[in-house]
């Protein structure tokens, strides 16, 4: 007879699981970083599997409706893909955005559906094996060396053996489970991480009327307002509405957690970035779910504000809400080198640089306040930031590289995530070709390949 429940712990029975694949390189995560790692490695002739828990690629860039790199794309595979998107009508021209402190060159937003198709096509064309709707539950580690990963899918539990794993999970999931040290946010608590958000889109917006109003508004301190209909389709970017937000909350009693709203267009559709939830531990299911519910509440309120108070939104309606929560910051691995705030602000030179990045400084303070978004000179990302301590044959790319909280304000952005993914894929390939651990890869060979595909490596190389 059942007693109505289980004990507080459950001992999972030991069992054998079957191998699904044996490959050269496993890339964990098909978001903004993973496809760039996978394509880059496959183009070097390696057997690559890219494992993604959803049914499409691009992560926050596509599913998350973020669409816009917060900065310029300076070369290599990221620029190649954006130029393909432009040729397909899935992106516009780069533009200069006026901010409160300086002008920022920004790559045009992409159409997320076009980008899903392009990323998948380039993976297939380069020979990447994609596994959609598959979750990587843990790495297989023997004597401090990663030998493979355990996956979960509709087929149950299986494993994939490999020579190198590239962790593009955004949260350093493989690195953490393999025993690599890390910090959370600015310290060791979730509350020191940048807040989470959720994008949504609105249809039936009169973009011309909105642009005309915004040109003369004193409530839009950061902006890019094209003068042509073609430009407005992909190039309208407005950040501000601080006074409007404050009045709306005072007059309605509705409380929001963010001081500004960002609007941008992609393929003529209006994308809204206006939600914020602070002090969220995304590794706790209850807190994660509560954050999603709070974003839904805020989305309804922000849509009402826009409809009632902003010219051009009179007939607008919510069209789509991102099916994923936008997470800005969680784990930072501790690597061979930790990128610091002074490094990305002062332009420190690194002999082992694997990318020059022109991302903006984009800070959403963990405890609230306005967004600090400003353009700065390019900086360099050294190879050592991709190498977690204490684990072999593992590379980490994306927003969880070895960077402190201040440097993360630049290195978390899409151009840097794409660039570190690209470099990790090439570095893994070189390590296999040279029969050396990834920690001892000849970085000059990695740099040679990167230069060959047009990726600037040093700040002075960015035109």
Protein backbone atom coordinates (compact mmCIF):
# COMPACT_ATOMS: atom_id res chain seq x y z
CA UNK A 1 0.00 0.00 0.00
CA UNK A 2 1.32 3.43 -0.92
CA UNK A 3 2.13 5.80 1.91
CA UNK A 4 1.31 8.92 -0.13
CA UNK A 5 4.82 10.26 -0.73
CA UNK A 6 8.54 9.85 -0.92
CA UNK A 7 11.35 10.64 1.44
CA UNK A 8 13.23 13.94 1.15
CA UNK A 9 15.88 12.32 -1.00
CA UNK A 10 15.68 9.74 -3.76
CA UNK A 11 18.50 7.38 -4.72
CA UNK A 12 18.49 7.06 -8.49
CA UNK A 13 19.23 3.49 -9.59
CA UNK A 14 22.50 2.96 -11.41
CA UNK A 15 22.05 2.01 -15.05
CA UNK A 16 23.95 1.78 -18.33
CA UNK A 17 23.16 4.25 -21.09
CA UNK A 18 23.93 3.88 -24.78
CA UNK A 19 26.25 6.02 -26.85
CA UNK A 20 24.46 7.99 -29.55
CA UNK A 21 27.44 9.58 -31.31
CA UNK A 22 31.22 9.81 -31.25
CA UNK A 23 32.41 13.18 -32.56
CA UNK A 24 35.37 15.52 -32.46
CA UNK A 25 33.59 18.47 -30.84
CA UNK A 26 30.37 18.86 -28.86
CA UNK A 27 28.88 22.34 -28.71
CA UNK A 28 26.41 22.72 -25.84
CA UNK A 29 23.78 25.34 -26.58
CA UNK A 30 22.48 26.70 -29.88
CA UNK A 31 21.81 30.28 -28.79
CA UNK A 32 23.66 33.41 -29.85
CA UNK A 33 27.06 31.76 -29.31
CA UNK A 34 26.84 28.05 -30.10
CA UNK A 35 26.12 28.17 -33.85
CA UNK A 36 29.20 30.34 -34.38
CA UNK A 37 31.35 27.81 -32.53
CA UNK A 38 29.83 24.87 -34.39
CA UNK A 39 30.05 26.38 -37.88
CA UNK A 40 33.61 27.58 -37.32
CA UNK A 41 34.76 24.14 -36.15
CA UNK A 42 32.94 22.27 -38.92
CA UNK A 43 34.48 24.52 -41.55
CA UNK A 44 37.85 23.30 -40.25
CA UNK A 45 36.80 19.77 -41.19
CA UNK A 46 35.78 18.55 -37.74
CA UNK A 47 32.87 16.28 -36.80
CA UNK A 48 30.67 18.59 -34.76
CA UNK A 49 27.38 18.11 -32.95
CA UNK A 50 25.40 21.15 -31.77
CA UNK A 51 22.90 20.39 -29.01
CA UNK A 52 19.98 22.76 -28.45
CA UNK A 53 17.13 22.40 -25.95
CA UNK A 54 14.63 24.29 -28.14
CA UNK A 55 13.57 23.69 -31.73
CA UNK A 56 15.44 26.55 -33.37
CA UNK A 57 18.78 28.33 -33.20
CA UNK A 58 19.68 31.84 -32.08
CA UNK A 59 18.51 31.88 -28.48
CA UNK A 60 18.00 35.39 -27.14
CA UNK A 61 18.66 36.84 -30.59
CA UNK A 62 15.74 34.98 -32.19
CA UNK A 63 13.48 33.22 -29.67
CA UNK A 64 14.15 35.99 -27.14
CA UNK A 65 13.20 38.66 -29.73
CA UNK A 66 16.29 40.71 -28.84
CA UNK A 67 17.35 40.85 -32.53
CA UNK A 68 19.92 43.66 -32.20
CA UNK A 69 23.63 43.39 -31.44
CA UNK A 70 24.46 46.16 -28.99
CA UNK A 71 27.36 47.34 -31.07
CA UNK A 72 29.00 46.90 -34.46
CA UNK A 73 29.91 43.58 -36.07
CA UNK A 74 33.54 44.06 -37.07
CA UNK A 75 34.33 40.96 -39.13
CA UNK A 76 34.50 37.19 -39.40
CA UNK A 77 31.50 34.86 -39.30
CA UNK A 78 29.26 37.31 -37.38
CA UNK A 79 29.58 39.90 -40.14
CA UNK A 80 29.19 37.20 -42.82
CA UNK A 81 25.88 36.08 -41.35
CA UNK A 82 24.59 39.64 -40.98
CA UNK A 83 25.45 40.38 -44.61
CA UNK A 84 23.55 37.25 -45.62
CA UNK A 85 20.59 38.48 -43.59
CA UNK A 86 20.74 41.86 -45.33
CA UNK A 87 20.81 40.23 -48.76
CA UNK A 88 17.70 38.24 -47.77
CA UNK A 89 15.89 41.35 -46.52
CA UNK A 90 16.31 40.14 -42.94
CA UNK A 91 18.43 43.05 -41.64
CA UNK A 92 19.03 46.70 -42.43
CA UNK A 93 22.10 48.89 -42.57
CA UNK A 94 24.20 49.74 -39.53
CA UNK A 95 23.31 53.04 -37.90
CA UNK A 96 24.67 55.58 -35.42
CA UNK A 97 22.64 55.91 -32.25
CA UNK A 98 22.81 59.07 -30.16
CA UNK A 99 23.10 58.29 -26.44
CA UNK A 100 23.34 60.49 -23.37
CA UNK A 101 27.16 60.36 -23.51
CA UNK A 102 28.23 59.58 -27.08
CA UNK A 103 27.27 58.15 -30.44
CA UNK A 104 27.29 54.35 -30.80
CA UNK A 105 27.60 52.44 -34.05
CA UNK A 106 25.08 49.60 -33.93
CA UNK A 107 24.48 46.74 -36.31
CA UNK A 108 20.91 46.74 -37.55
CA UNK A 109 18.44 44.42 -35.85
CA UNK A 110 17.71 41.22 -37.70
CA UNK A 111 14.39 39.63 -38.49
CA UNK A 112 14.43 36.72 -36.00
CA UNK A 113 12.68 34.26 -38.32
CA UNK A 114 15.12 34.97 -41.15
CA UNK A 115 18.01 34.52 -38.73
CA UNK A 116 16.70 31.15 -37.50
CA UNK A 117 16.73 29.92 -41.10
CA UNK A 118 20.19 31.32 -41.88
CA UNK A 119 21.85 29.89 -38.77
CA UNK A 120 20.36 26.47 -39.44
CA UNK A 121 21.31 26.58 -43.13
CA UNK A 122 24.93 27.49 -42.41
CA UNK A 123 25.18 24.72 -39.82
CA UNK A 124 23.82 22.15 -42.27
CA UNK A 125 25.95 23.42 -45.16
CA UNK A 126 29.11 23.20 -43.06
CA UNK A 127 28.32 19.67 -41.88
CA UNK A 128 27.20 20.34 -38.30
CA UNK A 129 24.94 17.67 -36.79
CA UNK A 130 22.18 19.52 -34.94
CA UNK A 131 20.22 17.85 -32.14
CA UNK A 132 17.09 19.90 -31.44
CA UNK A 133 14.80 19.40 -28.43
CA UNK A 134 17.70 17.79 -26.59
CA UNK A 135 18.96 18.75 -23.15
CA UNK A 136 22.52 18.20 -21.95
CA UNK A 137 22.17 17.05 -18.37
CA UNK A 138 25.83 16.71 -17.40
CA UNK A 139 29.38 16.31 -18.66
CA UNK A 140 31.27 13.04 -18.47
CA UNK A 141 34.52 13.73 -16.62
CA UNK A 142 37.37 11.27 -16.03
CA UNK A 143 40.43 12.37 -14.05
CA UNK A 144 39.64 16.03 -14.63
CA UNK A 145 39.21 15.62 -18.40
CA UNK A 146 35.84 15.95 -20.16
CA UNK A 147 35.23 12.90 -22.34
CA UNK A 148 31.64 13.49 -23.38
CA UNK A 149 28.18 14.62 -22.34
CA UNK A 150 24.98 12.95 -21.18
CA UNK A 151 21.87 14.03 -23.06
CA UNK A 152 18.14 13.70 -22.47
CA UNK A 153 15.54 13.61 -25.25
CA UNK A 154 12.32 11.82 -26.21
CA UNK A 155 14.54 8.76 -26.67
CA UNK A 156 15.56 8.90 -23.02
CA UNK A 157 19.09 9.22 -21.71
CA UNK A 158 22.12 8.70 -23.97
CA UNK A 159 25.69 9.93 -24.16
CA UNK A 160 27.98 11.42 -26.78
CA UNK A 161 31.73 10.89 -26.64
CA UNK A 162 34.02 13.65 -27.86
CA UNK A 163 37.51 15.11 -27.84
CA UNK A 164 36.47 18.66 -26.87
CA UNK A 165 33.37 20.23 -25.36
CA UNK A 166 32.51 23.89 -25.97
CA UNK A 167 30.15 25.21 -23.30
CA UNK A 168 27.86 27.77 -24.95
CA UNK A 169 25.07 27.25 -22.43
CA UNK A 170 25.25 30.95 -21.38
CA UNK A 171 25.22 29.85 -17.72
CA UNK A 172 28.44 27.78 -17.79
CA UNK A 173 26.40 24.69 -16.97
CA UNK A 174 29.00 22.19 -18.19
CA UNK A 175 31.89 24.05 -16.58
CA UNK A 176 30.13 24.27 -13.22
CA UNK A 177 29.13 20.59 -13.21
CA UNK A 178 32.63 19.57 -14.21
CA UNK A 179 34.03 21.33 -11.15
CA UNK A 180 35.37 24.53 -12.68
CA UNK A 181 35.34 27.47 -10.26
CA UNK A 182 33.05 30.41 -10.96
CA UNK A 183 31.53 33.50 -9.39
CA UNK A 184 27.93 34.64 -9.64
CA UNK A 185 27.40 38.19 -10.87
CA UNK A 186 29.56 40.61 -8.92
CA UNK A 187 30.05 38.17 -6.06
CA UNK A 188 28.50 34.94 -4.89
CA UNK A 189 24.83 35.86 -4.67
CA UNK A 190 22.20 35.90 -7.43
CA UNK A 191 21.09 39.36 -6.29
CA UNK A 192 24.35 40.86 -7.58
CA UNK A 193 23.56 39.83 -11.16
CA UNK A 194 21.96 42.11 -13.72
CA UNK A 195 18.15 41.79 -13.76
CA UNK A 196 16.14 39.61 -16.13
CA UNK A 197 13.70 40.86 -18.77
CA UNK A 198 11.31 39.69 -21.46
CA UNK A 199 10.85 41.22 -24.91
CA UNK A 200 7.55 41.55 -26.72
CA UNK A 201 6.41 42.91 -30.06
CA UNK A 202 3.51 45.14 -31.06
CA UNK A 203 1.72 45.29 -34.41
CA UNK A 204 -0.32 48.08 -36.02
CA UNK A 205 2.08 50.79 -34.84
CA UNK A 206 2.15 53.94 -36.98
CA UNK A 207 5.94 54.12 -37.14
CA UNK A 208 6.04 57.36 -39.13
CA UNK A 209 3.83 59.13 -36.59
CA UNK A 210 5.97 57.78 -33.74
CA UNK A 211 9.18 58.93 -35.42
CA UNK A 212 7.79 62.41 -36.08
CA UNK A 213 6.78 62.77 -32.43
CA UNK A 214 10.09 61.39 -31.12
CA UNK A 215 12.18 63.91 -33.10
CA UNK A 216 10.76 66.76 -30.99
CA UNK A 217 10.32 64.92 -27.69
CA UNK A 218 12.41 65.83 -24.65
CA UNK A 219 11.72 62.37 -23.19
CA UNK A 220 13.92 60.40 -25.63
CA UNK A 221 17.58 61.09 -24.70
CA UNK A 222 18.95 58.15 -26.74
CA UNK A 223 17.78 57.68 -30.30
CA UNK A 224 18.33 56.76 -33.91
CA UNK A 225 15.59 58.14 -36.16
CA UNK A 226 15.97 57.49 -39.89
CA UNK A 227 14.47 59.94 -42.34
CA UNK A 228 13.19 57.41 -44.90
CA UNK A 229 10.49 54.75 -44.76
CA UNK A 230 13.09 52.14 -45.73
CA UNK A 231 15.30 53.22 -42.85
CA UNK A 232 12.43 53.19 -40.38
CA UNK A 233 11.77 49.52 -41.17
CA UNK A 234 15.00 48.41 -39.47
CA UNK A 235 16.62 51.54 -38.06
CA UNK A 236 14.28 53.25 -35.58
CA UNK A 237 15.70 52.99 -32.04
CA UNK A 238 14.35 54.98 -29.10
CA UNK A 239 15.41 54.74 -25.46
CA UNK A 240 13.90 56.90 -22.76
CA UNK A 241 10.24 57.61 -21.87
CA UNK A 242 11.43 58.11 -18.26
CA UNK A 243 9.08 61.04 -17.57
CA UNK A 244 6.16 59.26 -19.21
CA UNK A 245 6.80 56.13 -17.16
CA UNK A 246 6.95 58.09 -13.93
CA UNK A 247 3.69 59.95 -14.62
CA UNK A 248 1.93 56.76 -15.70
CA UNK A 249 2.83 55.00 -12.45
CA UNK A 250 1.85 57.98 -10.31
CA UNK A 251 -1.52 58.40 -12.03
CA UNK A 252 -2.52 54.73 -12.34
CA UNK A 253 -0.93 53.23 -9.23
CA UNK A 254 0.67 50.54 -11.42
CA UNK A 255 4.21 49.81 -10.28
CA UNK A 256 6.96 48.84 -12.71
CA UNK A 257 10.60 48.01 -12.01
CA UNK A 258 12.31 49.84 -14.84
CA UNK A 259 12.95 53.54 -15.37
CA UNK A 260 12.99 53.53 -19.18
CA UNK A 261 11.64 51.84 -22.30
CA UNK A 262 13.54 50.88 -25.44
CA UNK A 263 11.73 50.60 -28.76
CA UNK A 264 13.27 49.37 -31.99
CA UNK A 265 12.04 48.26 -35.39
CA UNK A 266 12.94 45.09 -37.31
CA UNK A 267 11.23 44.35 -40.61
CA UNK A 268 8.68 47.05 -39.80
CA UNK A 269 7.62 45.43 -36.54
CA UNK A 270 7.95 47.18 -33.16
CA UNK A 271 10.08 45.41 -30.53
CA UNK A 272 9.66 46.54 -26.92
CA UNK A 273 12.23 46.16 -24.16
CA UNK A 274 10.60 47.50 -21.01
CA UNK A 275 10.39 44.79 -18.35
CA UNK A 276 12.68 44.11 -15.43
CA UNK A 277 12.75 41.70 -12.51
CA UNK A 278 15.53 41.99 -9.95
CA UNK A 279 17.01 39.58 -7.43
CA UNK A 280 16.15 36.46 -9.40
CA UNK A 281 18.01 33.20 -8.92
CA UNK A 282 17.29 31.60 -12.28
CA UNK A 283 18.55 28.24 -11.00
CA UNK A 284 15.57 28.04 -8.63
CA UNK A 285 12.48 26.92 -10.62
CA UNK A 286 10.05 28.78 -8.38
CA UNK A 287 11.94 32.07 -8.73
CA UNK A 288 12.36 31.62 -12.47
CA UNK A 289 8.63 31.02 -12.89
CA UNK A 290 7.75 33.98 -10.68
CA UNK A 291 9.96 36.19 -12.87
CA UNK A 292 8.14 35.07 -16.02
CA UNK A 293 4.75 35.82 -14.41
CA UNK A 294 5.96 39.24 -13.28
CA UNK A 295 7.18 40.01 -16.81
CA UNK A 296 3.71 39.16 -18.14
CA UNK A 297 2.16 41.62 -15.67
CA UNK A 298 4.59 44.34 -16.71
CA UNK A 299 4.06 43.68 -20.42
CA UNK A 300 0.33 44.32 -20.07
CA UNK A 301 1.02 47.57 -18.23
CA UNK A 302 3.66 48.81 -20.67
CA UNK A 303 1.44 48.03 -23.66
CA UNK A 304 -1.34 50.07 -22.03
CA UNK A 305 1.05 52.96 -21.41
CA UNK A 306 2.18 53.00 -25.04
CA UNK A 307 -1.37 52.76 -26.38
CA UNK A 308 -2.67 55.56 -24.17
CA UNK A 309 0.25 57.99 -24.10
CA UNK A 310 2.60 57.60 -27.07
CA UNK A 311 1.63 58.87 -30.54
CA UNK A 312 1.59 56.10 -33.13
CA UNK A 313 0.45 53.39 -30.69
CA UNK A 314 -3.24 54.29 -30.65
CA UNK A 315 -4.25 51.16 -32.58
CA UNK A 316 -1.34 48.95 -31.57
CA UNK A 317 -1.74 45.48 -30.11
CA UNK A 318 0.58 42.96 -28.47
CA UNK A 319 1.60 40.53 -31.19
CA UNK A 320 4.15 38.19 -29.60
CA UNK A 321 5.77 37.66 -26.22
CA UNK A 322 9.18 36.00 -26.14
CA UNK A 323 8.83 32.35 -25.06
CA UNK A 324 12.10 32.61 -23.13
CA UNK A 325 13.22 34.83 -20.28
CA UNK A 326 16.05 37.22 -21.14
CA UNK A 327 18.83 36.51 -18.65
CA UNK A 328 21.74 38.96 -18.65
CA UNK A 329 24.11 37.53 -16.08
CA UNK A 330 24.67 34.43 -13.98
CA UNK A 331 27.92 32.49 -13.66
CA UNK A 332 31.31 33.83 -14.71
CA UNK A 333 33.88 31.06 -14.93
CA UNK A 334 37.26 31.66 -13.37
CA UNK A 335 39.67 31.16 -16.21
CA UNK A 336 43.33 31.40 -17.07
CA UNK A 337 42.70 35.14 -17.34
CA UNK A 338 39.83 37.23 -16.01
CA UNK A 339 38.84 40.19 -18.14
CA UNK A 340 38.31 43.26 -15.94
CA UNK A 341 36.45 46.54 -16.13
CA UNK A 342 39.67 48.52 -16.63
CA UNK A 343 40.64 46.11 -19.45
CA UNK A 344 37.49 46.84 -21.47
CA UNK A 345 37.45 50.55 -20.64
CA UNK A 346 41.15 51.23 -21.11
CA UNK A 347 41.81 49.11 -24.17
CA UNK A 348 44.43 46.77 -22.69
CA UNK A 349 46.46 44.91 -25.33
CA UNK A 350 46.65 41.09 -25.22
CA UNK A 351 49.09 39.06 -27.28
CA UNK A 352 46.66 36.12 -27.17
CA UNK A 353 43.62 38.16 -28.22
CA UNK A 354 41.10 36.15 -30.21
CA UNK A 355 38.72 39.02 -30.96
CA UNK A 356 38.45 42.76 -30.97
CA UNK A 357 34.98 43.73 -29.82
CA UNK A 358 33.10 46.98 -30.35
CA UNK A 359 30.07 46.23 -28.17
CA UNK A 360 28.58 49.09 -26.21
CA UNK A 361 28.79 49.30 -22.44
CA UNK A 362 25.32 48.14 -21.37
CA UNK A 363 24.65 48.03 -17.63
CA UNK A 364 21.34 47.23 -15.97
CA UNK A 365 22.14 47.76 -12.31
CA UNK A 366 21.32 44.73 -10.10
CA UNK A 367 19.48 46.92 -7.59
CA UNK A 368 17.60 49.08 -10.09
CA UNK A 369 18.11 52.49 -11.64
CA UNK A 370 18.38 53.70 -15.21
CA UNK A 371 20.28 51.80 -17.89
CA UNK A 372 23.87 52.88 -18.59
CA UNK A 373 24.30 52.45 -22.36
CA UNK A 374 27.26 54.09 -24.06
CA UNK A 375 29.68 53.61 -26.91
CA UNK A 376 33.37 53.08 -26.17
CA UNK A 377 36.54 52.29 -28.07
CA UNK A 378 37.05 48.64 -29.12
CA UNK A 379 38.73 46.31 -26.65
CA UNK A 380 40.40 42.88 -26.86
CA UNK A 381 39.32 39.49 -25.55
CA UNK A 382 42.22 37.14 -24.66
CA UNK A 383 42.11 33.39 -25.25
CA UNK A 384 42.66 32.76 -21.53
CA UNK A 385 39.11 33.95 -20.77
CA UNK A 386 37.75 30.86 -22.58
CA UNK A 387 39.78 28.39 -20.48
CA UNK A 388 38.15 27.38 -17.18
CA UNK A 389 40.47 26.36 -14.38
CA UNK A 390 40.76 22.75 -13.19
CA UNK A 391 38.99 21.09 -16.16
CA UNK A 392 40.66 19.87 -19.33
CA UNK A 393 39.31 19.71 -22.88
CA UNK A 394 36.64 22.27 -22.11
CA UNK A 395 36.23 25.71 -23.67
CA UNK A 396 33.63 28.25 -22.57
CA UNK A 397 32.20 30.91 -24.88
CA UNK A 398 29.48 33.54 -24.62
CA UNK A 399 28.41 35.64 -21.67
CA UNK A 400 29.84 33.21 -19.09
CA UNK A 401 33.51 33.64 -20.07
CA UNK A 402 36.02 34.62 -17.42
CA UNK A 403 35.12 38.29 -16.95
CA UNK A 404 34.29 40.33 -13.90
CA UNK A 405 30.95 42.05 -13.38
CA UNK A 406 32.14 45.33 -14.92
CA UNK A 407 33.77 43.79 -18.00
CA UNK A 408 30.66 41.67 -18.45
CA UNK A 409 28.73 44.85 -19.29
CA UNK A 410 30.48 44.69 -22.68
CA UNK A 411 31.43 41.02 -23.11
CA UNK A 412 27.84 39.79 -22.56
CA UNK A 413 26.59 41.51 -25.70
CA UNK A 414 25.89 39.64 -28.93
CA UNK A 415 28.98 40.70 -30.93
CA UNK A 416 31.27 39.42 -28.17
CA UNK A 417 29.28 36.20 -27.72
CA UNK A 418 29.46 35.51 -31.45
CA UNK A 419 33.17 36.29 -31.55
CA UNK A 420 34.09 34.09 -28.58
CA UNK A 421 32.00 31.25 -30.02
CA UNK A 422 33.81 31.59 -33.34
CA UNK A 423 37.22 31.58 -31.63
CA UNK A 424 36.35 28.59 -29.43
CA UNK A 425 35.33 26.53 -32.47
CA UNK A 426 38.57 27.31 -34.26
CA UNK A 427 40.70 26.77 -31.15
CA UNK A 428 39.13 23.35 -30.54
CA UNK A 429 39.87 22.40 -34.15
CA UNK A 430 43.49 23.52 -33.93
CA UNK A 431 43.96 21.59 -30.68
CA UNK A 432 42.73 18.41 -32.39
CA UNK A 433 44.93 19.00 -35.45
CA UNK A 434 47.99 19.61 -33.26
CA UNK A 435 47.10 16.77 -30.86
CA UNK A 436 47.44 19.06 -27.84
CA UNK A 437 45.05 19.97 -25.01
CA UNK A 438 42.97 23.09 -25.62
CA UNK A 439 44.85 24.74 -22.75
CA UNK A 440 48.08 24.43 -24.73
CA UNK A 441 46.79 25.24 -28.17
CA UNK A 442 49.18 27.39 -30.24
CA UNK A 443 47.20 30.62 -30.16
CA UNK A 444 49.16 32.04 -33.09
CA UNK A 445 47.60 29.35 -35.32
CA UNK A 446 44.14 30.23 -34.06
CA UNK A 447 44.85 33.88 -34.75
CA UNK A 448 46.09 33.07 -38.25
CA UNK A 449 42.81 31.35 -39.12
CA UNK A 450 40.79 34.18 -37.58
CA UNK A 451 42.67 36.78 -39.60
CA UNK A 452 42.06 34.68 -42.70
CA UNK A 453 38.29 35.02 -42.27
CA UNK A 454 38.54 38.75 -41.68
CA UNK A 455 38.22 38.91 -37.89
CA UNK A 456 40.08 41.81 -36.27
CA UNK A 457 42.08 40.62 -33.27
CA UNK A 458 43.33 43.86 -31.77
CA UNK A 459 41.61 47.14 -31.04
CA UNK A 460 43.73 48.98 -33.57
CA UNK A 461 42.59 46.60 -36.33
CA UNK A 462 38.95 47.78 -36.13
CA UNK A 463 38.20 50.26 -38.87
